[in-house]
Protein backbone atom coordinates (compact mmCIF):
# COMPACT_ATOMS: atom_id res chain seq x y z
CA MET A 1 30.84 23.60 -7.51
CA LYS A 2 33.17 21.25 -9.36
CA GLU A 3 30.26 19.21 -10.71
CA PHE A 4 28.49 22.37 -11.88
CA VAL A 5 31.46 23.53 -13.98
CA GLU A 6 32.07 20.01 -15.26
CA TYR A 7 28.46 19.71 -16.45
CA ILE A 8 28.56 23.03 -18.31
CA ALA A 9 31.94 22.28 -19.89
CA LYS A 10 30.82 18.85 -21.08
CA MET A 11 27.80 20.41 -22.79
CA LEU A 12 30.03 22.90 -24.67
CA VAL A 13 32.71 20.58 -26.07
CA ASP A 14 32.81 17.85 -28.73
CA GLN A 15 34.88 15.47 -26.56
CA PRO A 16 33.17 15.46 -23.14
CA ASP A 17 35.24 12.50 -21.92
CA SER A 18 38.39 14.64 -21.96
CA VAL A 19 37.00 17.28 -19.57
CA THR A 20 38.84 17.26 -16.24
CA ILE A 21 38.65 19.67 -13.34
CA GLU A 22 41.11 20.01 -10.48
CA GLU A 23 39.98 21.78 -7.34
CA GLU A 24 42.34 23.56 -4.96
CA THR A 25 40.82 24.81 -1.74
CA SER A 26 42.22 27.23 0.81
CA ASP A 27 40.53 29.06 3.70
CA ASP A 28 38.03 31.18 1.79
CA LYS A 29 39.12 30.59 -1.80
CA ILE A 30 38.50 27.84 -4.32
CA ILE A 31 40.50 27.55 -7.54
CA LEU A 32 39.02 25.37 -10.27
CA LYS A 33 41.37 24.33 -13.09
CA LEU A 34 39.49 23.26 -16.21
CA LYS A 35 41.25 21.18 -18.83
CA VAL A 36 39.68 20.12 -22.13
CA ALA A 37 40.97 18.54 -25.35
CA GLN A 38 43.09 20.84 -27.52
CA PRO A 39 40.46 21.22 -30.32
CA ASP A 40 37.80 22.21 -27.75
CA ILE A 41 39.66 25.07 -26.08
CA GLY A 42 38.14 27.59 -28.48
CA LYS A 43 34.64 26.42 -27.62
CA VAL A 44 35.24 26.90 -23.90
CA ILE A 45 36.84 30.32 -24.37
CA GLY A 46 34.42 31.58 -27.03
CA LYS A 47 34.66 34.61 -29.29
CA LYS A 48 36.59 37.39 -27.57
CA GLY A 49 36.47 35.30 -24.37
CA ARG A 50 32.74 35.74 -23.87
CA THR A 51 32.02 32.12 -22.96
CA ALA A 52 34.91 32.02 -20.49
CA PHE A 53 33.74 35.31 -18.97
CA ALA A 54 30.20 33.94 -18.61
CA LEU A 55 31.50 30.75 -16.96
CA ARG A 56 33.59 32.79 -14.53
CA THR A 57 30.60 34.99 -13.72
CA LEU A 58 28.41 31.96 -12.98
CA VAL A 59 31.09 30.37 -10.82
CA ALA A 60 31.63 33.60 -8.88
CA ALA A 61 27.88 33.98 -8.28
CA VAL A 62 27.51 30.42 -6.99
CA GLY A 63 30.62 30.85 -4.84
CA LYS A 64 29.30 34.07 -3.36
CA LYS A 65 26.22 32.20 -2.15
CA THR A 66 28.48 29.81 -0.23
CA GLY A 67 30.63 32.65 1.09
CA LYS A 68 33.78 31.69 -0.81
CA LYS A 69 35.72 33.33 -3.61
CA VAL A 70 35.95 31.05 -6.61
CA ARG A 71 38.34 31.41 -9.51
CA LEU A 72 38.15 29.46 -12.76
CA GLU A 73 41.31 28.83 -14.77
CA ILE A 74 41.21 27.31 -18.24
CA LEU A 75 44.40 25.34 -18.89
CA ASP A 76 45.98 24.65 -22.28
C-alpha cells in the first residue's frame, strides 16, 4: 500500500526525492501520512482537492480488497 501511494505521488510532483510516507497501523486501520516538498503540495491536492480525493478513493479501494480501512493524510 505504501509503495503504491509513493509511486503515484512521485509521478505527480517535480521533486520526487522529497516524497516521504509514514505508515501507522492498528488492528483494522492503516493511516498513511504523505509529505512532499512545499512547492509540490498544490500538485498533490489539485484543483478543488480533486487529485487528493482521487488518491484517497484509490487507497480506500485497495484497502477494501485487503479488508482494512485506509486513510491518507497529506501533511504540510
